[in-house]
Amino acid sequence: MSLNLLTTKQVDPVAYYLDLPIHPPYDARDAFDAIPMQLLPFADGLTVGWKVSPMQFVDGLGRDLKFDCPNIVITGGQNLGDSPVALYVTSAFYDAKSRLLASQTCEHIIQPWESYDVPGLWSRFPFPITEIARASVNITSYGWEDPRPKEAVVLSKQKSKSETRYDWMRDGGVVGSYSFQKWNPGKGDLLFASESLTKQNRVRIRLERRQSEGLTYVALVQSQSPKTQTKTFDHLIQYALYTEDGRLCHGGSCMGMGNHGDLVSLVPILPEILDSESLYLELVAWEGPSGSL
């Protein structure tokens, strides 16, 4: 038998990590179509790229808002094997100072003969799209056939950041809080509980471990209703987890409208991530008058 006909079934998960600088578009409309970044080995023609998705939301006062939201896309190619291919994908966008701007995680299964398409990787981003300077994507996959078995290659690697925390003001009365810290998730259901994230509205959050139908989730929960306000405030919280060597491995976001209380966002997480003894947690929270976020 020719060596070219040999195939290897990827039974154990294989991880692919991509970290690339990207040039933000001068006009968001220049990126409404996907901009390819890297070919992927799961199928011929399969590409990971990024784009801008114009999205419409309703603010806390019931008004329509339109934001240009960054989005990671995986397109092209078909699953030509005889078994499903599972993809666990985490993506994040950063500014020129390597601060987290947006992050999301999804888990998706491509059935035999289906086209590759990974939905759910856009993030709300109510700021100028020109702030984006870099994108990271981490893909954990199994179930595909490789006619040329080889070890996975890390395509790029970022240096670990320093632990830090600070606040800053943005245009339109938006206040931001940023932190990056070492973190041990522990073995219990409560993974993380913050102090007040912003001075304006005293928002606090928790990260909790949740189980549902055999899957593990991280729940991002607003742990305390904001204090009474004469004005209505909206909130946007983004978080990302990194391995000890600085690789992105999980992330998510949560939106809060109009000062209301408990907000829960469930994001699937690989159990082995929470089994790690040491991770890094990056957390950014924005708060502003209703309609600004």
C-alpha atoms as a PDB file:
ATOM      1  CA  MET A   1       0.000   0.000   0.000  1.00  0.00           C
ATOM      2  CA  SER A   2       1.285   3.452  -0.871  1.00  0.00           C
ATOM      3  CA  LEU A   3       2.255   5.613   2.063  1.00  0.00           C
ATOM      4  CA  ASN A   4       0.157   8.357   0.522  1.00  0.00           C
ATOM      5  CA  LEU A   5      -2.969   6.313   1.246  1.00  0.00           C
ATOM      6  CA  LEU A   6      -2.284   5.875   4.944  1.00  0.00           C
ATOM      7  CA  THR A   7      -4.600   7.823   7.223  1.00  0.00           C
ATOM      8  CA  THR A   8      -4.496   8.432  10.953  1.00  0.00           C
ATOM      9  CA  LYS A   9      -7.660   8.989  12.954  1.00  0.00           C
ATOM     10  CA  GLN A  10      -7.167  11.791  15.461  1.00  0.00           C
ATOM     11  CA  VAL A  11      -8.694  10.151  18.529  1.00  0.00           C
ATOM     12  CA  ASP A  12      -6.827  12.177  21.138  1.00  0.00           C
ATOM     13  CA  PRO A  13      -7.389  15.951  21.104  1.00  0.00           C
ATOM     14  CA  VAL A  14      -4.855  17.946  19.130  1.00  0.00           C
ATOM     15  CA  ALA A  15      -4.394  21.650  19.890  1.00  0.00           C
ATOM     16  CA  TYR A  16      -3.543  24.374  17.388  1.00  0.00           C
ATOM     17  CA  TYR A  17      -2.669  27.836  18.565  1.00  0.00           C
ATOM     18  CA  LEU A  18      -2.560  30.941  16.388  1.00  0.00           C
ATOM     19  CA  ASP A  19      -1.498  34.402  17.516  1.00  0.00           C
ATOM     20  CA  LEU A  20      -1.105  37.059  14.846  1.00  0.00           C
ATOM     21  CA  PRO A  21      -1.004  40.827  14.526  1.00  0.00           C
ATOM     22  CA  ILE A  22      -3.824  42.096  12.344  1.00  0.00           C
ATOM     23  CA  HIS A  23      -4.178  45.486  10.740  1.00  0.00           C
ATOM     24  CA  PRO A  24      -7.481  47.043  11.763  1.00  0.00           C
ATOM     25  CA  PRO A  25      -9.583  48.309   8.883  1.00  0.00           C
ATOM     26  CA  TYR A  26      -9.781  52.054   8.359  1.00  0.00           C
ATOM     27  CA  ASP A  27     -13.472  51.495   7.750  1.00  0.00           C
ATOM     28  CA  ALA A  28     -15.375  48.591   9.323  1.00  0.00           C
ATOM     29  CA  ARG A  29     -17.020  47.889   5.967  1.00  0.00           C
ATOM     30  CA  ASP A  30     -13.608  46.807   4.656  1.00  0.00           C
ATOM     31  CA  ALA A  31     -13.803  43.771   6.965  1.00  0.00           C
ATOM     32  CA  PHE A  32     -17.445  42.709   6.589  1.00  0.00           C
ATOM     33  CA  ASP A  33     -16.087  39.850   4.448  1.00  0.00           C
ATOM     34  CA  ALA A  34     -13.791  37.369   6.173  1.00  0.00           C
ATOM     35  CA  ILE A  35     -10.054  38.104   6.076  1.00  0.00           C
ATOM     36  CA  PRO A  36      -8.117  34.780   6.060  1.00  0.00           C
ATOM     37  CA  MET A  37      -5.308  34.263   8.556  1.00  0.00           C
ATOM     38  CA  GLN A  38      -4.192  30.618   8.391  1.00  0.00           C
ATOM     39  CA  LEU A  39      -4.987  27.311   6.673  1.00  0.00           C
ATOM     40  CA  LEU A  40      -6.036  24.522   9.033  1.00  0.00           C
ATOM     41  CA  PRO A  41      -5.160  20.807   8.642  1.00  0.00           C
ATOM     42  CA  PHE A  42      -8.602  19.305   9.280  1.00  0.00           C
ATOM     43  CA  ALA A  43      -9.753  19.538   5.648  1.00  0.00           C
ATOM     44  CA  ASP A  44      -8.543  20.857   2.285  1.00  0.00           C
ATOM     45  CA  GLY A  45      -9.277  24.544   1.938  1.00  0.00           C
ATOM     46  CA  LEU A  46     -10.196  25.031   5.596  1.00  0.00           C
ATOM     47  CA  THR A  47      -9.238  28.498   6.815  1.00  0.00           C
ATOM     48  CA  VAL A  48      -9.428  30.437  10.061  1.00  0.00           C
ATOM     49  CA  GLY A  49      -9.966  34.153   9.585  1.00  0.00           C
ATOM     50  CA  TRP A  50     -11.553  37.202  11.137  1.00  0.00           C
ATOM     51  CA  LYS A  51     -14.217  39.668  10.120  1.00  0.00           C
ATOM     52  CA  VAL A  52     -16.421  42.452  11.413  1.00  0.00           C
ATOM     53  CA  SER A  53     -20.112  41.708  11.915  1.00  0.00           C
ATOM     54  CA  PRO A  54     -22.567  44.615  12.112  1.00  0.00           C
ATOM     55  CA  MET A  55     -24.883  43.677  14.980  1.00  0.00           C
ATOM     56  CA  GLN A  56     -28.030  45.277  16.388  1.00  0.00           C
ATOM     57  CA  PHE A  57     -28.870  45.343  20.090  1.00  0.00           C
ATOM     58  CA  VAL A  58     -31.480  46.914  22.378  1.00  0.00           C
ATOM     59  CA  ASP A  59     -30.231  49.059  25.255  1.00  0.00           C
ATOM     60  CA  GLY A  60     -31.714  49.339  28.746  1.00  0.00           C
ATOM     61  CA  LEU A  61     -34.163  51.995  27.567  1.00  0.00           C
ATOM     62  CA  GLY A  62     -35.451  49.913  24.661  1.00  0.00           C
ATOM     63  CA  ARG A  63     -33.557  51.814  21.963  1.00  0.00           C
ATOM     64  CA  ASP A  64     -31.826  50.084  19.044  1.00  0.00           C
ATOM     65  CA  LEU A  65     -28.022  50.166  19.040  1.00  0.00           C
ATOM     66  CA  LYS A  66     -25.738  49.112  16.190  1.00  0.00           C
ATOM     67  CA  PHE A  67     -22.135  48.020  16.840  1.00  0.00           C
ATOM     68  CA  ASP A  68     -19.425  46.583  14.597  1.00  0.00           C
ATOM     69  CA  CYS A  69     -18.359  43.406  16.422  1.00  0.00           C
ATOM     70  CA  PRO A  70     -15.141  41.427  15.791  1.00  0.00           C
ATOM     71  CA  ASN A  71     -15.706  37.831  14.791  1.00  0.00           C
ATOM     72  CA  ILE A  72     -13.498  34.749  14.275  1.00  0.00           C
ATOM     73  CA  VAL A  73     -14.643  32.531  11.406  1.00  0.00           C
ATOM     74  CA  ILE A  74     -13.662  29.011  10.314  1.00  0.00           C
ATOM     75  CA  THR A  75     -14.832  28.260   6.790  1.00  0.00           C
ATOM     76  CA  GLY A  76     -14.175  26.065   3.771  1.00  0.00           C
ATOM     77  CA  GLY A  77     -13.730  22.333   3.391  1.00  0.00           C
ATOM     78  CA  GLN A  78     -15.940  19.386   4.277  1.00  0.00           C
ATOM     79  CA  ASN A  79     -15.683  16.578   6.786  1.00  0.00           C
ATOM     80  CA  LEU A  80     -15.017  13.781   4.311  1.00  0.00           C
ATOM     81  CA  GLY A  81     -14.394  11.195   7.017  1.00  0.00           C
ATOM     82  CA  ASP A  82     -16.870   8.708   8.420  1.00  0.00           C
ATOM     83  CA  SER A  83     -17.021  10.137  11.956  1.00  0.00           C
ATOM     84  CA  PRO A  84     -17.851  13.513  13.517  1.00  0.00           C
ATOM     85  CA  VAL A  85     -15.110  16.099  14.044  1.00  0.00           C
ATOM     86  CA  ALA A  86     -15.254  18.061  17.288  1.00  0.00           C
ATOM     87  CA  LEU A  87     -13.808  21.565  17.555  1.00  0.00           C
ATOM     88  CA  TYR A  88     -13.386  23.560  20.763  1.00  0.00           C
ATOM     89  CA  VAL A  89     -12.450  27.084  19.748  1.00  0.00           C
ATOM     90  CA  THR A  90     -11.457  30.062  21.880  1.00  0.00           C
ATOM     91  CA  SER A  91     -10.696  33.440  20.359  1.00  0.00           C
ATOM     92  CA  ALA A  92      -9.683  36.854  21.653  1.00  0.00           C
ATOM     93  CA  PHE A  93      -8.903  40.286  20.225  1.00  0.00           C
ATOM     94  CA  TYR A  94      -6.407  42.732  21.734  1.00  0.00           C
ATOM     95  CA  ASP A  95      -5.377  46.355  21.337  1.00  0.00           C
ATOM     96  CA  ALA A  96      -1.870  47.677  20.652  1.00  0.00           C
ATOM     97  CA  LYS A  97      -1.072  47.479  24.396  1.00  0.00           C
ATOM     98  CA  SER A  98      -2.075  43.780  24.465  1.00  0.00           C
ATOM     99  CA  ARG A  99      -5.185  44.539  26.537  1.00  0.00           C
ATOM    100  CA  LEU A 100      -8.116  42.190  26.064  1.00  0.00           C
ATOM    101  CA  LEU A 101     -10.872  43.726  23.940  1.00  0.00           C
ATOM    102  CA  ALA A 102     -13.204  40.808  23.269  1.00  0.00           C
ATOM    103  CA  SER A 103     -13.233  37.060  23.873  1.00  0.00           C
ATOM    104  CA  GLN A 104     -15.494  34.082  23.220  1.00  0.00           C
ATOM    105  CA  THR A 105     -15.498  30.268  23.306  1.00  0.00           C
ATOM    106  CA  CYS A 106     -17.671  27.704  21.555  1.00  0.00           C
ATOM    107  CA  GLU A 107     -17.817  23.954  21.083  1.00  0.00           C
ATOM    108  CA  HIS A 108     -19.061  22.603  17.762  1.00  0.00           C
ATOM    109  CA  ILE A 109     -19.347  19.185  16.074  1.00  0.00           C
ATOM    110  CA  ILE A 110     -19.131  18.761  12.300  1.00  0.00           C
ATOM    111  CA  GLN A 111     -20.942  15.630  11.148  1.00  0.00           C
ATOM    112  CA  PRO A 112     -19.658  13.507   8.204  1.00  0.00           C
ATOM    113  CA  TRP A 113     -20.056  15.357   4.893  1.00  0.00           C
ATOM    114  CA  GLU A 114     -21.003  18.616   6.609  1.00  0.00           C
ATOM    115  CA  SER A 115     -19.124  21.776   5.737  1.00  0.00           C
ATOM    116  CA  TYR A 116     -16.913  23.234   8.442  1.00  0.00           C
ATOM    117  CA  ASP A 117     -18.558  26.217  10.095  1.00  0.00           C
ATOM    118  CA  VAL A 118     -18.000  27.363  13.670  1.00  0.00           C
ATOM    119  CA  PRO A 119     -20.691  29.776  14.898  1.00  0.00           C
ATOM    120  CA  GLY A 120     -20.828  31.836  18.054  1.00  0.00           C
ATOM    121  CA  LEU A 121     -17.397  33.498  18.061  1.00  0.00           C
ATOM    122  CA  TRP A 122     -18.418  37.133  17.784  1.00  0.00           C
ATOM    123  CA  SER A 123     -18.155  39.495  20.721  1.00  0.00           C
ATOM    124  CA  ARG A 124     -19.965  42.718  21.501  1.00  0.00           C
ATOM    125  CA  PHE A 125     -17.539  45.585  20.928  1.00  0.00           C
ATOM    126  CA  PRO A 126     -19.029  49.089  21.290  1.00  0.00           C
ATOM    127  CA  PHE A 127     -15.782  50.922  20.481  1.00  0.00           C
ATOM    128  CA  PRO A 128     -13.973  51.903  17.266  1.00  0.00           C
ATOM    129  CA  ILE A 129     -12.907  48.762  15.412  1.00  0.00           C
ATOM    130  CA  THR A 130      -9.559  50.442  14.661  1.00  0.00           C
ATOM    131  CA  GLU A 131      -8.462  49.618  18.230  1.00  0.00           C
ATOM    132  CA  ILE A 132      -7.939  45.963  17.260  1.00  0.00           C
ATOM    133  CA  ALA A 133      -4.261  45.100  16.770  1.00  0.00           C
ATOM    134  CA  ARG A 134      -3.974  41.357  17.400  1.00  0.00           C
ATOM    135  CA  ALA A 135      -6.041  38.168  17.411  1.00  0.00           C
ATOM    136  CA  SER A 136      -5.464  34.854  19.200  1.00  0.00           C
ATOM    137  CA  VAL A 137      -7.217  31.597  18.374  1.00  0.00           C
ATOM    138  CA  ASN A 138      -6.850  28.269  20.171  1.00  0.00           C
ATOM    139  CA  ILE A 139      -8.451  25.215  18.518  1.00  0.00           C
ATOM    140  CA  THR A 140      -8.692  21.832  20.220  1.00  0.00           C
ATOM    141  CA  SER A 141      -9.885  19.151  17.802  1.00  0.00           C
ATOM    142  CA  TYR A 142     -10.342  15.414  17.406  1.00  0.00           C
ATOM    143  CA  GLY A 143     -12.042  12.988  15.059  1.00  0.00           C
ATOM    144  CA  TRP A 144     -10.528  14.040  11.742  1.00  0.00           C
ATOM    145  CA  GLU A 145      -8.343  11.954   9.429  1.00  0.00           C
ATOM    146  CA  ASP A 146      -4.852  13.079   8.506  1.00  0.00           C
ATOM    147  CA  PRO A 147      -3.207  11.381   5.490  1.00  0.00           C
ATOM    148  CA  ARG A 148       0.131  12.877   6.588  1.00  0.00           C
ATOM    149  CA  PRO A 149       0.411  12.294  10.330  1.00  0.00           C
ATOM    150  CA  LYS A 150       2.535  14.900  12.073  1.00  0.00           C
ATOM    151  CA  GLU A 151       2.789  16.661  15.385  1.00  0.00           C
ATOM    152  CA  ALA A 152       0.870  19.876  15.903  1.00  0.00           C
ATOM    153  CA  VAL A 153       2.920  23.041  15.607  1.00  0.00           C
ATOM    154  CA  VAL A 154       2.462  26.178  17.662  1.00  0.00           C
ATOM    155  CA  LEU A 155       2.243  28.851  14.994  1.00  0.00           C
ATOM    156  CA  SER A 156       3.074  31.717  17.317  1.00  0.00           C
ATOM    157  CA  LYS A 157       3.638  32.309  20.998  1.00  0.00           C
ATOM    158  CA  GLN A 158       3.166  35.407  23.104  1.00  0.00           C
ATOM    159  CA  LYS A 159       5.250  36.220  26.159  1.00  0.00           C
ATOM    160  CA  SER A 160       3.389  36.089  29.461  1.00  0.00           C
ATOM    161  CA  LYS A 161       2.121  39.435  30.677  1.00  0.00           C
ATOM    162  CA  SER A 162       2.889  40.921  34.074  1.00  0.00           C
ATOM    163  CA  GLU A 163       0.276  40.936  36.809  1.00  0.00           C
ATOM    164  CA  THR A 164      -1.421  44.312  36.907  1.00  0.00           C
ATOM    165  CA  ARG A 165      -4.634  46.181  37.635  1.00  0.00           C
ATOM    166  CA  TYR A 166      -5.789  49.685  36.726  1.00  0.00           C
ATOM    167  CA  ASP A 167      -8.836  51.755  35.775  1.00  0.00           C
ATOM    168  CA  TRP A 168      -9.312  54.182  32.925  1.00  0.00           C
ATOM    169  CA  MET A 169     -11.948  56.459  31.472  1.00  0.00           C
ATOM    170  CA  ARG A 170     -13.179  56.323  27.909  1.00  0.00           C
ATOM    171  CA  ASP A 171     -15.188  58.751  25.815  1.00  0.00           C
ATOM    172  CA  GLY A 172     -18.891  59.062  26.528  1.00  0.00           C
ATOM    173  CA  GLY A 173     -18.645  58.550  30.285  1.00  0.00           C
ATOM    174  CA  VAL A 174     -17.533  54.901  30.033  1.00  0.00           C
ATOM    175  CA  VAL A 175     -15.299  53.704  32.854  1.00  0.00           C
ATOM    176  CA  GLY A 176     -13.106  50.624  32.436  1.00  0.00           C
ATOM    177  CA  SER A 177     -11.394  48.289  34.859  1.00  0.00           C
ATOM    178  CA  TYR A 178      -8.570  45.969  33.771  1.00  0.00           C
ATOM    179  CA  SER A 179      -6.715  43.215  35.618  1.00  0.00           C
ATOM    180  CA  PHE A 180      -4.336  40.365  34.793  1.00  0.00           C
ATOM    181  CA  GLN A 181      -3.383  37.941  37.548  1.00  0.00           C
ATOM    182  CA  LYS A 182      -2.269  34.448  38.414  1.00  0.00           C
ATOM    183  CA  TRP A 183      -5.209  32.237  39.305  1.00  0.00           C
ATOM    184  CA  ASN A 184      -5.825  28.802  40.733  1.00  0.00           C
ATOM    185  CA  PRO A 185      -9.413  27.689  40.008  1.00  0.00           C
ATOM    186  CA  GLY A 186      -9.390  25.121  42.831  1.00  0.00           C
ATOM    187  CA  LYS A 187     -11.694  22.123  43.102  1.00  0.00           C
ATOM    188  CA  GLY A 188     -14.972  23.721  44.199  1.00  0.00           C
ATOM    189  CA  ASP A 189     -17.820  25.275  42.262  1.00  0.00           C
ATOM    190  CA  LEU A 190     -16.827  28.873  43.052  1.00  0.00           C
ATOM    191  CA  LEU A 191     -13.851  29.610  40.823  1.00  0.00           C
ATOM    192  CA  PHE A 192     -13.410  33.339  41.319  1.00  0.00           C
ATOM    193  CA  ALA A 193     -15.100  36.212  43.163  1.00  0.00           C
ATOM    194  CA  SER A 194     -14.106  39.774  42.416  1.00  0.00           C
ATOM    195  CA  GLU A 195     -14.037  42.934  44.459  1.00  0.00           C
ATOM    196  CA  SER A 196     -15.923  45.892  43.010  1.00  0.00           C
ATOM    197  CA  LEU A 197     -14.851  46.182  39.380  1.00  0.00           C
ATOM    198  CA  THR A 198     -15.854  49.791  38.800  1.00  0.00           C
ATOM    199  CA  LYS A 199     -16.113  52.824  41.056  1.00  0.00           C
ATOM    200  CA  GLN A 200     -19.252  54.080  39.369  1.00  0.00           C
ATOM    201  CA  ASN A 201     -21.722  51.305  39.988  1.00  0.00           C
ATOM    202  CA  ARG A 202     -19.884  48.818  42.219  1.00  0.00           C
ATOM    203  CA  VAL A 203     -20.291  45.866  39.876  1.00  0.00           C
ATOM    204  CA  ARG A 204     -18.948  42.525  41.139  1.00  0.00           C
ATOM    205  CA  ILE A 205     -18.787  39.186  39.345  1.00  0.00           C
ATOM    206  CA  ARG A 206     -18.269  35.510  40.077  1.00  0.00           C
ATOM    207  CA  LEU A 207     -16.948  32.713  37.911  1.00  0.00           C
ATOM    208  CA  GLU A 208     -18.620  29.419  38.790  1.00  0.00           C
ATOM    209  CA  ARG A 209     -18.268  25.822  37.666  1.00  0.00           C
ATOM    210  CA  ARG A 210     -21.530  24.410  36.282  1.00  0.00           C
ATOM    211  CA  GLN A 211     -22.453  20.964  34.914  1.00  0.00           C
ATOM    212  CA  SER A 212     -25.196  20.233  32.389  1.00  0.00           C
ATOM    213  CA  GLU A 213     -25.848  17.120  30.289  1.00  0.00           C
ATOM    214  CA  GLY A 214     -22.314  15.841  30.769  1.00  0.00           C
ATOM    215  CA  LEU A 215     -20.650  19.118  29.797  1.00  0.00           C
ATOM    216  CA  THR A 216     -18.727  21.529  31.994  1.00  0.00           C
ATOM    217  CA  TYR A 217     -19.382  25.268  31.826  1.00  0.00           C
ATOM    218  CA  VAL A 218     -17.971  28.409  33.345  1.00  0.00           C
ATOM    219  CA  ALA A 219     -20.785  30.682  34.494  1.00  0.00           C
ATOM    220  CA  LEU A 220     -20.063  34.413  34.550  1.00  0.00           C
ATOM    221  CA  VAL A 221     -22.433  35.817  37.158  1.00  0.00           C
ATOM    222  CA  GLN A 222     -22.990  39.365  38.373  1.00  0.00           C
ATOM    223  CA  SER A 223     -22.725  38.734  42.096  1.00  0.00           C
ATOM    224  CA  GLN A 224     -24.451  41.841  43.373  1.00  0.00           C
ATOM    225  CA  SER A 225     -27.087  44.175  42.002  1.00  0.00           C
ATOM    226  CA  PRO A 226     -25.651  47.653  41.450  1.00  0.00           C
ATOM    227  CA  LYS A 227     -26.424  50.372  43.980  1.00  0.00           C
ATOM    228  CA  THR A 228     -29.450  52.552  43.352  1.00  0.00           C
ATOM    229  CA  GLN A 229     -28.809  54.992  40.524  1.00  0.00           C
ATOM    230  CA  THR A 230     -30.699  57.953  39.183  1.00  0.00           C
ATOM    231  CA  LYS A 231     -29.268  57.128  35.754  1.00  0.00           C
ATOM    232  CA  THR A 232     -29.398  53.807  33.951  1.00  0.00           C
ATOM    233  CA  PHE A 233     -26.013  52.103  33.429  1.00  0.00           C
ATOM    234  CA  ASP A 234     -25.042  49.248  31.121  1.00  0.00           C
ATOM    235  CA  HIS A 235     -22.186  46.812  31.680  1.00  0.00           C
ATOM    236  CA  LEU A 236     -19.928  44.739  29.475  1.00  0.00           C
ATOM    237  CA  ILE A 237     -17.532  42.200  31.000  1.00  0.00           C
ATOM    238  CA  GLN A 238     -14.925  40.211  29.063  1.00  0.00           C
ATOM    239  CA  TYR A 239     -12.589  37.577  30.491  1.00  0.00           C
ATOM    240  CA  ALA A 240      -9.889  35.241  29.171  1.00  0.00           C
ATOM    241  CA  LEU A 241      -7.916  32.376  30.714  1.00  0.00           C
ATOM    242  CA  TYR A 242      -4.323  31.532  29.822  1.00  0.00           C
ATOM    243  CA  THR A 243      -2.123  28.536  30.513  1.00  0.00           C
ATOM    244  CA  GLU A 244       0.970  28.907  32.652  1.00  0.00           C
ATOM    245  CA  ASP A 245       3.075  29.428  29.507  1.00  0.00           C
ATOM    246  CA  GLY A 246       0.814  32.232  28.293  1.00  0.00           C
ATOM    247  CA  ARG A 247      -1.436  30.507  25.735  1.00  0.00           C
ATOM    248  CA  LEU A 248      -5.077  31.522  25.448  1.00  0.00           C
ATOM    249  CA  CYS A 249      -7.273  28.556  26.473  1.00  0.00           C
ATOM    250  CA  HIS A 250     -10.738  29.918  27.336  1.00  0.00           C
ATOM    251  CA  GLY A 251     -12.749  33.128  27.313  1.00  0.00           C
ATOM    252  CA  GLY A 252     -16.193  34.619  27.446  1.00  0.00           C
ATOM    253  CA  SER A 253     -18.271  37.732  27.948  1.00  0.00           C
ATOM    254  CA  CYS A 254     -21.406  38.990  29.636  1.00  0.00           C
ATOM    255  CA  MET A 255     -23.655  41.956  28.847  1.00  0.00           C
ATOM    256  CA  GLY A 256     -25.782  43.796  31.408  1.00  0.00           C
ATOM    257  CA  MET A 257     -28.543  46.210  30.501  1.00  0.00           C
ATOM    258  CA  GLY A 258     -30.227  48.854  32.572  1.00  0.00           C
ATOM    259  CA  ASN A 259     -28.935  48.190  36.115  1.00  0.00           C
ATOM    260  CA  HIS A 260     -30.767  44.884  36.441  1.00  0.00           C
ATOM    261  CA  GLY A 261     -29.406  42.256  38.785  1.00  0.00           C
ATOM    262  CA  ASP A 262     -28.306  38.679  38.218  1.00  0.00           C
ATOM    263  CA  LEU A 263     -26.668  38.164  34.841  1.00  0.00           C
ATOM    264  CA  VAL A 264     -25.486  34.701  33.852  1.00  0.00           C
ATOM    265  CA  SER A 265     -23.441  33.706  30.805  1.00  0.00           C
ATOM    266  CA  LEU A 266     -22.602  30.008  30.375  1.00  0.00           C
ATOM    267  CA  VAL A 267     -19.520  29.181  28.289  1.00  0.00           C
ATOM    268  CA  PRO A 268     -18.379  25.562  27.644  1.00  0.00           C
ATOM    269  CA  ILE A 269     -14.946  24.736  29.065  1.00  0.00           C
ATOM    270  CA  LEU A 270     -12.699  21.694  28.735  1.00  0.00           C
ATOM    271  CA  PRO A 271     -12.494  20.045  32.196  1.00  0.00           C
ATOM    272  CA  GLU A 272      -8.720  19.706  31.914  1.00  0.00           C
ATOM    273  CA  ILE A 273      -8.412  23.499  31.892  1.00  0.00           C
ATOM    274  CA  LEU A 274     -10.008  23.729  35.331  1.00  0.00           C
ATOM    275  CA  ASP A 275      -7.814  20.846  36.505  1.00  0.00           C
ATOM    276  CA  SER A 276      -4.726  23.009  35.958  1.00  0.00           C
ATOM    277  CA  GLU A 277      -3.000  24.076  39.147  1.00  0.00           C
ATOM    278  CA  SER A 278      -2.021  27.456  37.774  1.00  0.00           C
ATOM    279  CA  LEU A 279      -3.670  29.655  35.170  1.00  0.00           C
ATOM    280  CA  TYR A 280      -3.802  33.361  34.382  1.00  0.00           C
ATOM    281  CA  LEU A 281      -7.035  35.361  34.419  1.00  0.00           C
ATOM    282  CA  GLU A 282      -7.494  38.519  32.358  1.00  0.00           C
ATOM    283  CA  LEU A 283     -10.598  40.520  33.224  1.00  0.00           C
ATOM    284  CA  VAL A 284     -11.901  43.738  31.726  1.00  0.00           C
ATOM    285  CA  ALA A 285     -15.164  45.421  32.675  1.00  0.00           C
ATOM    286  CA  TRP A 286     -16.745  48.462  31.066  1.00  0.00           C
ATOM    287  CA  GLU A 287     -19.599  50.482  32.485  1.00  0.00           C
ATOM    288  CA  GLY A 288     -21.353  53.457  30.949  1.00  0.00           C
ATOM    289  CA  PRO A 289     -24.634  55.324  30.569  1.00  0.00           C
ATOM    290  CA  SER A 290     -27.363  53.339  28.866  1.00  0.00           C
ATOM    291  CA  GLY A 291     -26.787  53.309  25.124  1.00  0.00           C
ATOM    292  CA  SER A 292     -22.989  53.643  25.341  1.00  0.00           C
ATOM    293  CA  LEU A 293     -22.334  49.889  25.587  1.00  0.00           C
END
